[in-house]
Amino acid sequence: MKSDDIRREELQARKAQLLGRIDQIEAELESHEAKDWEEMATEREGDEVLHDLGDSARNELRMIEAALARLDEGEYGYCVTCGERIDEARLDLLPATPFCRKHAPGA
């Protein structure tokens, strides 16, 4: 079983990765200077993908922030619905999850 300190380090490392990814996406979106209609259409398609990736990264970042807050409050690793301990294997796979397998959305 991983300690809370190790979980915190892992969450903070992932947070740093996501912040870097978001910065790269924003820089890429700002760098586009298409010269003609065809290039602009191609860039817009790429921009949609970048926006989706950025949204996904920001969503994961919010989940990580919430998990770090639960760590600070001593509630990390417990399901926010039922209060039961979240399986260690589930936390290894989804370290920011606030739900046990039973109460996970779509379960």
PDB file of N, CA and C in Angstrom:
ATOM      1  N   MET A   1       0.834  -1.178   0.000  1.00  0.00           N
ATOM      2  CA  MET A   1       0.000   0.000   0.000  1.00  0.00           C
ATOM      3  C   MET A   1       0.882   1.247   0.000  1.00  0.00           C
ATOM      4  N   LYS A   2       0.609   2.152  -0.923  1.00  0.00           N
ATOM      5  CA  LYS A   2       1.391   3.377  -1.020  1.00  0.00           C
ATOM      6  C   LYS A   2       0.979   4.349   0.084  1.00  0.00           C
ATOM      7  N   SER A   3       1.955   5.072   0.574  1.00  0.00           N
ATOM      8  CA  SER A   3       1.666   6.073   1.605  1.00  0.00           C
ATOM      9  C   SER A   3       1.031   7.309   0.963  1.00  0.00           C
ATOM     10  N   ASP A   4       0.402   8.122   1.794  1.00  0.00           N
ATOM     11  CA  ASP A   4      -0.179   9.371   1.306  1.00  0.00           C
ATOM     12  C   ASP A   4       0.892  10.282   0.722  1.00  0.00           C
ATOM     13  N   ASP A   5       2.092  10.256   1.280  1.00  0.00           N
ATOM     14  CA  ASP A   5       3.176  11.094   0.760  1.00  0.00           C
ATOM     15  C   ASP A   5       3.545  10.692  -0.670  1.00  0.00           C
ATOM     16  N   ILE A   6       3.596   9.391  -0.923  1.00  0.00           N
ATOM     17  CA  ILE A   6       3.903   8.914  -2.273  1.00  0.00           C
ATOM     18  C   ILE A   6       2.771   9.279  -3.224  1.00  0.00           C
ATOM     19  N   ARG A   7       1.534   9.090  -2.790  1.00  0.00           N
ATOM     20  CA  ARG A   7       0.376   9.466  -3.623  1.00  0.00           C
ATOM     21  C   ARG A   7       0.424  10.962  -3.938  1.00  0.00           C
ATOM     22  N   ARG A   8       0.743  11.771  -2.936  1.00  0.00           N
ATOM     23  CA  ARG A   8       0.820  13.222  -3.142  1.00  0.00           C
ATOM     24  C   ARG A   8       1.892  13.558  -4.185  1.00  0.00           C
ATOM     25  N   GLU A   9       3.051  12.930  -4.073  1.00  0.00           N
ATOM     26  CA  GLU A   9       4.134  13.169  -5.033  1.00  0.00           C
ATOM     27  C   GLU A   9       3.695  12.796  -6.447  1.00  0.00           C
ATOM     28  N   GLU A  10       3.025  11.663  -6.579  1.00  0.00           N
ATOM     29  CA  GLU A  10       2.549  11.219  -7.896  1.00  0.00           C
ATOM     30  C   GLU A  10       1.518  12.192  -8.465  1.00  0.00           C
ATOM     31  N   LEU A  11       0.594  12.636  -7.635  1.00  0.00           N
ATOM     32  CA  LEU A  11      -0.425  13.590  -8.092  1.00  0.00           C
ATOM     33  C   LEU A  11       0.213  14.922  -8.479  1.00  0.00           C
ATOM     34  N   GLN A  12       1.174  15.377  -7.707  1.00  0.00           N
ATOM     35  CA  GLN A  12       1.836  16.646  -8.013  1.00  0.00           C
ATOM     36  C   GLN A  12       2.670  16.537  -9.292  1.00  0.00           C
ATOM     37  N   ALA A  13       3.285  15.380  -9.516  1.00  0.00           N
ATOM     38  CA  ALA A  13       4.044  15.174 -10.752  1.00  0.00           C
ATOM     39  C   ALA A  13       3.111  15.188 -11.964  1.00  0.00           C
ATOM     40  N   ARG A  14       1.970  14.531 -11.836  1.00  0.00           N
ATOM     41  CA  ARG A  14       1.003  14.528 -12.934  1.00  0.00           C
ATOM     42  C   ARG A  14       0.454  15.936 -13.167  1.00  0.00           C
ATOM     43  N   LYS A  15       0.236  16.671 -12.093  1.00  0.00           N
ATOM     44  CA  LYS A  15      -0.240  18.054 -12.199  1.00  0.00           C
ATOM     45  C   LYS A  15       0.764  18.890 -12.989  1.00  0.00           C
ATOM     46  N   ALA A  16       2.035  18.741 -12.693  1.00  0.00           N
ATOM     47  CA  ALA A  16       3.076  19.480 -13.408  1.00  0.00           C
ATOM     48  C   ALA A  16       3.076  19.116 -14.897  1.00  0.00           C
ATOM     49  N   GLN A  17       2.906  17.828 -15.208  1.00  0.00           N
ATOM     50  CA  GLN A  17       2.828  17.399 -16.606  1.00  0.00           C
ATOM     51  C   GLN A  17       1.650  18.059 -17.312  1.00  0.00           C
ATOM     52  N   LEU A  18       0.508  18.066 -16.657  1.00  0.00           N
ATOM     53  CA  LEU A  18      -0.695  18.646 -17.261  1.00  0.00           C
ATOM     54  C   LEU A  18      -0.547  20.149 -17.474  1.00  0.00           C
ATOM     55  N   LEU A  19       0.029  20.843 -16.509  1.00  0.00           N
ATOM     56  CA  LEU A  19       0.244  22.275 -16.670  1.00  0.00           C
ATOM     57  C   LEU A  19       1.162  22.555 -17.851  1.00  0.00           C
ATOM     58  N   GLY A  20       2.207  21.736 -18.010  1.00  0.00           N
ATOM     59  CA  GLY A  20       3.090  21.871 -19.160  1.00  0.00           C
ATOM     60  C   GLY A  20       2.369  21.612 -20.471  1.00  0.00           C
ATOM     61  N   ARG A  21       1.516  20.595 -20.479  1.00  0.00           N
ATOM     62  CA  ARG A  21       0.748  20.276 -21.683  1.00  0.00           C
ATOM     63  C   ARG A  21      -0.194  21.425 -22.048  1.00  0.00           C
ATOM     64  N   ILE A  22      -0.865  21.976 -21.046  1.00  0.00           N
ATOM     65  CA  ILE A  22      -1.788  23.087 -21.292  1.00  0.00           C
ATOM     66  C   ILE A  22      -1.030  24.291 -21.849  1.00  0.00           C
ATOM     67  N   ASP A  23       0.141  24.575 -21.301  1.00  0.00           N
ATOM     68  CA  ASP A  23       0.963  25.677 -21.820  1.00  0.00           C
ATOM     69  C   ASP A  23       1.340  25.443 -23.273  1.00  0.00           C
ATOM     70  N   GLN A  24       1.716  24.214 -23.618  1.00  0.00           N
ATOM     71  CA  GLN A  24       2.081  23.888 -25.002  1.00  0.00           C
ATOM     72  C   GLN A  24       0.895  24.044 -25.936  1.00  0.00           C
ATOM     73  N   ILE A  25      -0.260  23.593 -25.505  1.00  0.00           N
ATOM     74  CA  ILE A  25      -1.466  23.698 -26.330  1.00  0.00           C
ATOM     75  C   ILE A  25      -1.812  25.161 -26.568  1.00  0.00           C
ATOM     76  N   GLU A  26      -1.774  25.959 -25.516  1.00  0.00           N
ATOM     77  CA  GLU A  26      -2.095  27.377 -25.656  1.00  0.00           C
ATOM     78  C   GLU A  26      -1.103  28.083 -26.569  1.00  0.00           C
ATOM     79  N   ALA A  27       0.177  27.740 -26.445  1.00  0.00           N
ATOM     80  CA  ALA A  27       1.195  28.337 -27.316  1.00  0.00           C
ATOM     81  C   ALA A  27       0.950  27.946 -28.776  1.00  0.00           C
ATOM     82  N   GLU A  28       0.586  26.700 -28.995  1.00  0.00           N
ATOM     83  CA  GLU A  28       0.317  26.242 -30.360  1.00  0.00           C
ATOM     84  C   GLU A  28      -0.896  26.962 -30.945  1.00  0.00           C
ATOM     85  N   LEU A  29      -1.936  27.116 -30.149  1.00  0.00           N
ATOM     86  CA  LEU A  29      -3.137  27.805 -30.629  1.00  0.00           C
ATOM     87  C   LEU A  29      -2.849  29.267 -30.965  1.00  0.00           C
ATOM     88  N   GLU A  30      -1.979  29.907 -30.213  1.00  0.00           N
ATOM     89  CA  GLU A  30      -1.640  31.308 -30.451  1.00  0.00           C
ATOM     90  C   GLU A  30      -0.688  31.489 -31.626  1.00  0.00           C
ATOM     91  N   SER A  31      -0.004  30.447 -32.034  1.00  0.00           N
ATOM     92  CA  SER A  31       1.038  30.571 -33.059  1.00  0.00           C
ATOM     93  C   SER A  31       0.510  30.484 -34.490  1.00  0.00           C
ATOM     94  N   HIS A  32      -0.735  30.145 -34.670  1.00  0.00           N
ATOM     95  CA  HIS A  32      -1.267  29.954 -36.013  1.00  0.00           C
ATOM     96  C   HIS A  32      -1.427  31.277 -36.755  1.00  0.00           C
ATOM     97  N   GLU A  33      -0.865  31.287 -37.959  1.00  0.00           N
ATOM     98  CA  GLU A  33      -0.976  32.453 -38.832  1.00  0.00           C
ATOM     99  C   GLU A  33      -1.173  31.980 -40.258  1.00  0.00           C
ATOM    100  N   ALA A  34      -2.308  31.389 -40.527  1.00  0.00           N
ATOM    101  CA  ALA A  34      -2.588  30.863 -41.868  1.00  0.00           C
ATOM    102  C   ALA A  34      -2.678  32.006 -42.875  1.00  0.00           C
ATOM    103  N   LYS A  35      -2.214  31.717 -44.073  1.00  0.00           N
ATOM    104  CA  LYS A  35      -2.177  32.733 -45.113  1.00  0.00           C
ATOM    105  C   LYS A  35      -3.345  32.631 -46.093  1.00  0.00           C
ATOM    106  N   ASP A  36      -3.878  31.443 -46.303  1.00  0.00           N
ATOM    107  CA  ASP A  36      -4.989  31.310 -47.248  1.00  0.00           C
ATOM    108  C   ASP A  36      -6.109  30.472 -46.621  1.00  0.00           C
ATOM    109  N   TRP A  37      -7.244  30.400 -47.336  1.00  0.00           N
ATOM    110  CA  TRP A  37      -8.427  29.717 -46.818  1.00  0.00           C
ATOM    111  C   TRP A  37      -8.180  28.243 -46.549  1.00  0.00           C
ATOM    112  N   GLU A  38      -7.469  27.583 -47.427  1.00  0.00           N
ATOM    113  CA  GLU A  38      -7.210  26.149 -47.258  1.00  0.00           C
ATOM    114  C   GLU A  38      -6.383  25.890 -46.010  1.00  0.00           C
ATOM    115  N   GLU A  39      -5.349  26.697 -45.818  1.00  0.00           N
ATOM    116  CA  GLU A  39      -4.521  26.548 -44.619  1.00  0.00           C
ATOM    117  C   GLU A  39      -5.326  26.858 -43.363  1.00  0.00           C
ATOM    118  N   MET A  40      -6.192  27.879 -43.443  1.00  0.00           N
ATOM    119  CA  MET A  40      -7.015  28.240 -42.289  1.00  0.00           C
ATOM    120  C   MET A  40      -7.968  27.102 -41.919  1.00  0.00           C
ATOM    121  N   ALA A  41      -8.541  26.435 -42.923  1.00  0.00           N
ATOM    122  CA  ALA A  41      -9.455  25.321 -42.660  1.00  0.00           C
ATOM    123  C   ALA A  41      -8.715  24.180 -41.979  1.00  0.00           C
ATOM    124  N   THR A  42      -7.525  23.877 -42.451  1.00  0.00           N
ATOM    125  CA  THR A  42      -6.722  22.816 -41.856  1.00  0.00           C
ATOM    126  C   THR A  42      -6.353  23.172 -40.417  1.00  0.00           C
ATOM    127  N   GLU A  43      -5.974  24.433 -40.185  1.00  0.00           N
ATOM    128  CA  GLU A  43      -5.617  24.863 -38.838  1.00  0.00           C
ATOM    129  C   GLU A  43      -6.823  24.794 -37.903  1.00  0.00           C
ATOM    130  N   ARG A  44      -7.992  25.141 -38.395  1.00  0.00           N
ATOM    131  CA  ARG A  44      -9.189  25.089 -37.551  1.00  0.00           C
ATOM    132  C   ARG A  44      -9.502  23.666 -37.123  1.00  0.00           C
ATOM    133  N   GLU A  45      -9.324  22.715 -38.022  1.00  0.00           N
ATOM    134  CA  GLU A  45      -9.538  21.313 -37.648  1.00  0.00           C
ATOM    135  C   GLU A  45      -8.556  20.919 -36.550  1.00  0.00           C
ATOM    136  N   GLY A  46      -7.310  21.313 -36.727  1.00  0.00           N
ATOM    137  CA  GLY A  46      -6.296  21.025 -35.710  1.00  0.00           C
ATOM    138  C   GLY A  46      -6.591  21.735 -34.403  1.00  0.00           C
ATOM    139  N   ASP A  47      -7.112  22.951 -34.500  1.00  0.00           N
ATOM    140  CA  ASP A  47      -7.454  23.711 -33.301  1.00  0.00           C
ATOM    141  C   ASP A  47      -8.545  23.018 -32.498  1.00  0.00           C
ATOM    142  N   GLU A  48      -9.503  22.415 -33.175  1.00  0.00           N
ATOM    143  CA  GLU A  48     -10.565  21.689 -32.474  1.00  0.00           C
ATOM    144  C   GLU A  48      -9.976  20.553 -31.648  1.00  0.00           C
ATOM    145  N   VAL A  49      -9.036  19.838 -32.229  1.00  0.00           N
ATOM    146  CA  VAL A  49      -8.380  18.741 -31.510  1.00  0.00           C
ATOM    147  C   VAL A  49      -7.611  19.298 -30.315  1.00  0.00           C
ATOM    148  N   LEU A  50      -6.882  20.396 -30.540  1.00  0.00           N
ATOM    149  CA  LEU A  50      -6.120  20.997 -29.447  1.00  0.00           C
ATOM    150  C   LEU A  50      -7.038  21.482 -28.324  1.00  0.00           C
ATOM    151  N   HIS A  51      -8.172  22.077 -28.686  1.00  0.00           N
ATOM    152  CA  HIS A  51      -9.123  22.522 -27.668  1.00  0.00           C
ATOM    153  C   HIS A  51      -9.630  21.333 -26.852  1.00  0.00           C
ATOM    154  N   ASP A  52      -9.939  20.227 -27.530  1.00  0.00           N
ATOM    155  CA  ASP A  52     -10.408  19.028 -26.827  1.00  0.00           C
ATOM    156  C   ASP A  52      -9.336  18.485 -25.883  1.00  0.00           C
ATOM    157  N   LEU A  53      -8.092  18.465 -26.354  1.00  0.00           N
ATOM    158  CA  LEU A  53      -6.995  17.998 -25.504  1.00  0.00           C
ATOM    159  C   LEU A  53      -6.811  18.922 -24.302  1.00  0.00           C
ATOM    160  N   GLY A  54      -6.922  20.218 -24.531  1.00  0.00           N
ATOM    161  CA  GLY A  54      -6.807  21.175 -23.439  1.00  0.00           C
ATOM    162  C   GLY A  54      -7.930  21.013 -22.424  1.00  0.00           C
ATOM    163  N   ASP A  55      -9.155  20.817 -22.919  1.00  0.00           N
ATOM    164  CA  ASP A  55     -10.290  20.607 -22.019  1.00  0.00           C
ATOM    165  C   ASP A  55     -10.094  19.353 -21.178  1.00  0.00           C
ATOM    166  N   SER A  56      -9.618  18.296 -21.820  1.00  0.00           N
ATOM    167  CA  SER A  56      -9.366  17.043 -21.107  1.00  0.00           C
ATOM    168  C   SER A  56      -8.299  17.241 -20.025  1.00  0.00           C
ATOM    169  N   ALA A  57      -7.234  17.956 -20.363  1.00  0.00           N
ATOM    170  CA  ALA A  57      -6.160  18.209 -19.399  1.00  0.00           C
ATOM    171  C   ALA A  57      -6.666  19.056 -18.231  1.00  0.00           C
ATOM    172  N   ARG A  58      -7.478  20.074 -18.523  1.00  0.00           N
ATOM    173  CA  ARG A  58      -8.015  20.924 -17.452  1.00  0.00           C
ATOM    174  C   ARG A  58      -8.969  20.136 -16.551  1.00  0.00           C
ATOM    175  N   ASN A  59      -9.739  19.228 -17.127  1.00  0.00           N
ATOM    176  CA  ASN A  59     -10.636  18.394 -16.329  1.00  0.00           C
ATOM    177  C   ASN A  59      -9.834  17.487 -15.390  1.00  0.00           C
ATOM    178  N   GLU A  60      -8.798  16.855 -15.934  1.00  0.00           N
ATOM    179  CA  GLU A  60      -7.957  15.999 -15.089  1.00  0.00           C
ATOM    180  C   GLU A  60      -7.261  16.832 -14.013  1.00  0.00           C
ATOM    181  N   LEU A  61      -6.866  18.043 -14.363  1.00  0.00           N
ATOM    182  CA  LEU A  61      -6.226  18.931 -13.398  1.00  0.00           C
ATOM    183  C   LEU A  61      -7.172  19.255 -12.235  1.00  0.00           C
ATOM    184  N   ARG A  62      -8.453  19.502 -12.542  1.00  0.00           N
ATOM    185  CA  ARG A  62      -9.442  19.753 -11.485  1.00  0.00           C
ATOM    186  C   ARG A  62      -9.593  18.537 -10.578  1.00  0.00           C
ATOM    187  N   MET A  63      -9.580  17.349 -11.173  1.00  0.00           N
ATOM    188  CA  MET A  63      -9.691  16.124 -10.381  1.00  0.00           C
ATOM    189  C   MET A  63      -8.480  15.962  -9.459  1.00  0.00           C
ATOM    190  N   ILE A  64      -7.304  16.297  -9.976  1.00  0.00           N
ATOM    191  CA  ILE A  64      -6.080  16.197  -9.172  1.00  0.00           C
ATOM    192  C   ILE A  64      -6.113  17.202  -8.028  1.00  0.00           C
ATOM    193  N   GLU A  65      -6.548  18.423  -8.314  1.00  0.00           N
ATOM    194  CA  GLU A  65      -6.657  19.436  -7.253  1.00  0.00           C
ATOM    195  C   GLU A  65      -7.596  18.951  -6.147  1.00  0.00           C
ATOM    196  N   ALA A  66      -8.712  18.353  -6.534  1.00  0.00           N
ATOM    197  CA  ALA A  66      -9.666  17.832  -5.549  1.00  0.00           C
ATOM    198  C   ALA A  66      -9.039  16.687  -4.747  1.00  0.00           C
ATOM    199  N   ALA A  67      -8.277  15.824  -5.415  1.00  0.00           N
ATOM    200  CA  ALA A  67      -7.617  14.717  -4.720  1.00  0.00           C
ATOM    201  C   ALA A  67      -6.577  15.250  -3.731  1.00  0.00           C
ATOM    202  N   LEU A  68      -5.836  16.275  -4.136  1.00  0.00           N
ATOM    203  CA  LEU A  68      -4.856  16.873  -3.223  1.00  0.00           C
ATOM    204  C   LEU A  68      -5.556  17.499  -2.017  1.00  0.00           C
ATOM    205  N   ALA A  69      -6.711  18.107  -2.231  1.00  0.00           N
ATOM    206  CA  ALA A  69      -7.484  18.666  -1.116  1.00  0.00           C
ATOM    207  C   ALA A  69      -7.947  17.550  -0.178  1.00  0.00           C
ATOM    208  N   ARG A  70      -8.362  16.403  -0.766  1.00  0.00           N
ATOM    209  CA  ARG A  70      -8.772  15.273   0.088  1.00  0.00           C
ATOM    210  C   ARG A  70      -7.589  14.746   0.881  1.00  0.00           C
ATOM    211  N   LEU A  71      -6.408  14.762   0.288  1.00  0.00           N
ATOM    212  CA  LEU A  71      -5.202  14.360   1.025  1.00  0.00           C
ATOM    213  C   LEU A  71      -4.980  15.300   2.208  1.00  0.00           C
ATOM    214  N   ASP A  72      -5.087  16.605   1.964  1.00  0.00           N
ATOM    215  CA  ASP A  72      -4.900  17.588   3.038  1.00  0.00           C
ATOM    216  C   ASP A  72      -5.904  17.387   4.170  1.00  0.00           C
ATOM    217  N   GLU A  73      -7.114  16.960   3.813  1.00  0.00           N
ATOM    218  CA  GLU A  73      -8.185  16.776   4.801  1.00  0.00           C
ATOM    219  C   GLU A  73      -8.189  15.388   5.428  1.00  0.00           C
ATOM    220  N   GLY A  74      -7.278  14.521   4.970  1.00  0.00           N
ATOM    221  CA  GLY A  74      -7.223  13.167   5.503  1.00  0.00           C
ATOM    222  C   GLY A  74      -8.321  12.265   4.966  1.00  0.00           C
ATOM    223  N   GLU A  75      -8.930  12.641   3.851  1.00  0.00           N
ATOM    224  CA  GLU A  75     -10.036  11.871   3.279  1.00  0.00           C
ATOM    225  C   GLU A  75      -9.677  11.176   1.973  1.00  0.00           C
ATOM    226  N   TYR A  76      -8.426  11.295   1.552  1.00  0.00           N
ATOM    227  CA  TYR A  76      -8.015  10.668   0.299  1.00  0.00           C
ATOM    228  C   TYR A  76      -8.067   9.149   0.429  1.00  0.00           C
ATOM    229  N   GLY A  77      -8.523   8.500  -0.635  1.00  0.00           N
ATOM    230  CA  GLY A  77      -8.567   7.042  -0.657  1.00  0.00           C
ATOM    231  C   GLY A  77      -9.867   6.464  -0.133  1.00  0.00           C
ATOM    232  N   TYR A  78     -10.792   7.344   0.226  1.00  0.00           N
ATOM    233  CA  TYR A  78     -12.108   6.908   0.687  1.00  0.00           C
ATOM    234  C   TYR A  78     -13.175   7.437  -0.268  1.00  0.00           C
ATOM    235  N   CYS A  79     -14.129   6.596  -0.585  1.00  0.00           N
ATOM    236  CA  CYS A  79     -15.203   6.949  -1.503  1.00  0.00           C
ATOM    237  C   CYS A  79     -16.021   8.107  -0.929  1.00  0.00           C
ATOM    238  N   VAL A  80     -16.248   9.132  -1.754  1.00  0.00           N
ATOM    239  CA  VAL A  80     -17.023  10.280  -1.288  1.00  0.00           C
ATOM    240  C   VAL A  80     -18.510   9.957  -1.181  1.00  0.00           C
ATOM    241  N   THR A  81     -18.924   8.843  -1.746  1.00  0.00           N
ATOM    242  CA  THR A  81     -20.331   8.446  -1.687  1.00  0.00           C
ATOM    243  C   THR A  81     -20.622   7.588  -0.464  1.00  0.00           C
ATOM    244  N   CYS A  82     -19.845   6.518  -0.293  1.00  0.00           N
ATOM    245  CA  CYS A  82     -20.143   5.570   0.788  1.00  0.00           C
ATOM    246  C   CYS A  82     -19.149   5.618   1.947  1.00  0.00           C
ATOM    247  N   GLY A  83     -18.006   6.259   1.747  1.00  0.00           N
ATOM    248  CA  GLY A  83     -17.009   6.355   2.814  1.00  0.00           C
ATOM    249  C   GLY A  83     -16.106   5.147   2.939  1.00  0.00           C
ATOM    250  N   GLU A  84     -16.322   4.123   2.107  1.00  0.00           N
ATOM    251  CA  GLU A  84     -15.486   2.924   2.159  1.00  0.00           C
ATOM    252  C   GLU A  84     -14.126   3.212   1.515  1.00  0.00           C
ATOM    253  N   ARG A  85     -13.126   2.449   1.930  1.00  0.00           N
ATOM    254  CA  ARG A  85     -11.780   2.577   1.371  1.00  0.00           C
ATOM    255  C   ARG A  85     -11.809   2.182  -0.102  1.00  0.00           C
ATOM    256  N   ILE A  86     -11.168   2.986  -0.953  1.00  0.00           N
ATOM    257  CA  ILE A  86     -11.052   2.685  -2.383  1.00  0.00           C
ATOM    258  C   ILE A  86      -9.928   1.670  -2.550  1.00  0.00           C
ATOM    259  N   ASP A  87     -10.188   0.658  -3.359  1.00  0.00           N
ATOM    260  CA  ASP A  87      -9.215  -0.395  -3.617  1.00  0.00           C
ATOM    261  C   ASP A  87      -7.893   0.197  -4.106  1.00  0.00           C
ATOM    262  N   GLU A  88      -6.807  -0.317  -3.573  1.00  0.00           N
ATOM    263  CA  GLU A  88      -5.471   0.163  -3.918  1.00  0.00           C
ATOM    264  C   GLU A  88      -5.196   0.063  -5.425  1.00  0.00           C
ATOM    265  N   ALA A  89      -5.620  -1.014  -6.038  1.00  0.00           N
ATOM    266  CA  ALA A  89      -5.409  -1.177  -7.484  1.00  0.00           C
ATOM    267  C   ALA A  89      -6.154  -0.098  -8.264  1.00  0.00           C
ATOM    268  N   ARG A  90      -7.338   0.279  -7.804  1.00  0.00           N
ATOM    269  CA  ARG A  90      -8.104   1.349  -8.458  1.00  0.00           C
ATOM    270  C   ARG A  90      -7.374   2.683  -8.317  1.00  0.00           C
ATOM    271  N   LEU A  91      -6.822   2.958  -7.136  1.00  0.00           N
ATOM    272  CA  LEU A  91      -6.062   4.190  -6.940  1.00  0.00           C
ATOM    273  C   LEU A  91      -4.786   4.202  -7.779  1.00  0.00           C
ATOM    274  N   ASP A  92      -4.186   3.034  -7.989  1.00  0.00           N
ATOM    275  CA  ASP A  92      -3.008   2.963  -8.853  1.00  0.00           C
ATOM    276  C   ASP A  92      -3.370   3.352 -10.290  1.00  0.00           C
ATOM    277  N   LEU A  93      -4.538   2.907 -10.733  1.00  0.00           N
ATOM    278  CA  LEU A  93      -4.990   3.179 -12.098  1.00  0.00           C
ATOM    279  C   LEU A  93      -5.545   4.589 -12.247  1.00  0.00           C
ATOM    280  N   LEU A  94      -6.321   5.031 -11.266  1.00  0.00           N
ATOM    281  CA  LEU A  94      -6.986   6.344 -11.283  1.00  0.00           C
ATOM    282  C   LEU A  94      -6.698   7.069  -9.966  1.00  0.00           C
ATOM    283  N   PRO A  95      -5.499   7.608  -9.807  1.00  0.00           N
ATOM    284  CA  PRO A  95      -5.115   8.159  -8.515  1.00  0.00           C
ATOM    285  C   PRO A  95      -5.968   9.329  -8.023  1.00  0.00           C
ATOM    286  N   ALA A  96      -6.675  10.009  -8.909  1.00  0.00           N
ATOM    287  CA  ALA A  96      -7.490  11.156  -8.492  1.00  0.00           C
ATOM    288  C   ALA A  96      -8.957  10.785  -8.283  1.00  0.00           C
ATOM    289  N   THR A  97      -9.300   9.507  -8.432  1.00  0.00           N
ATOM    290  CA  THR A  97     -10.705   9.123  -8.323  1.00  0.00           C
ATOM    291  C   THR A  97     -11.260   9.354  -6.920  1.00  0.00           C
ATOM    292  N   PRO A  98     -12.468   9.911  -6.839  1.00  0.00           N
ATOM    293  CA  PRO A  98     -13.100  10.072  -5.534  1.00  0.00           C
ATOM    294  C   PRO A  98     -14.095   8.949  -5.222  1.00  0.00           C
ATOM    295  N   PHE A  99     -14.194   7.954  -6.113  1.00  0.00           N
ATOM    296  CA  PHE A  99     -15.214   6.915  -5.983  1.00  0.00           C
ATOM    297  C   PHE A  99     -14.621   5.517  -5.931  1.00  0.00           C
ATOM    298  N   CYS A 100     -15.247   4.671  -5.122  1.00  0.00           N
ATOM    299  CA  CYS A 100     -14.916   3.248  -5.153  1.00  0.00           C
ATOM    300  C   CYS A 100     -15.498   2.672  -6.446  1.00  0.00           C
ATOM    301  N   ARG A 101     -15.147   1.448  -6.737  1.00  0.00           N
ATOM    302  CA  ARG A 101     -15.614   0.809  -7.971  1.00  0.00           C
ATOM    303  C   ARG A 101     -17.146   0.751  -8.018  1.00  0.00           C
ATOM    304  N   LYS A 102     -17.766   0.499  -6.888  1.00  0.00           N
ATOM    305  CA  LYS A 102     -19.222   0.373  -6.814  1.00  0.00           C
ATOM    306  C   LYS A 102     -19.953   1.678  -7.139  1.00  0.00           C
ATOM    307  N   HIS A 103     -19.366   2.812  -6.764  1.00  0.00           N
ATOM    308  CA  HIS A 103     -20.033   4.098  -6.937  1.00  0.00           C
ATOM    309  C   HIS A 103     -19.460   4.939  -8.077  1.00  0.00           C
ATOM    310  N   ALA A 104     -18.578   4.379  -8.861  1.00  0.00           N
ATOM    311  CA  ALA A 104     -18.022   5.098 -10.001  1.00  0.00           C
ATOM    312  C   ALA A 104     -19.110   5.369 -11.031  1.00  0.00           C
ATOM    313  N   PRO A 105     -19.096   6.544 -11.639  1.00  0.00           N
ATOM    314  CA  PRO A 105     -20.082   6.833 -12.686  1.00  0.00           C
ATOM    315  C   PRO A 105     -20.036   5.773 -13.784  1.00  0.00           C
ATOM    316  N   GLY A 106     -21.183   5.303 -14.171  1.00  0.00           N
ATOM    317  CA  GLY A 106     -21.266   4.275 -15.211  1.00  0.00           C
ATOM    318  C   GLY A 106     -21.101   2.866 -14.697  1.00  0.00           C
ATOM    319  N   ALA A 107     -20.911   2.711 -13.377  1.00  0.00           N
ATOM    320  CA  ALA A 107     -20.714   1.368 -12.826  1.00  0.00           C
ATOM    321  C   ALA A 107     -22.037   0.645 -12.668  1.00  0.00           C
TER     322      ALA A 107
END
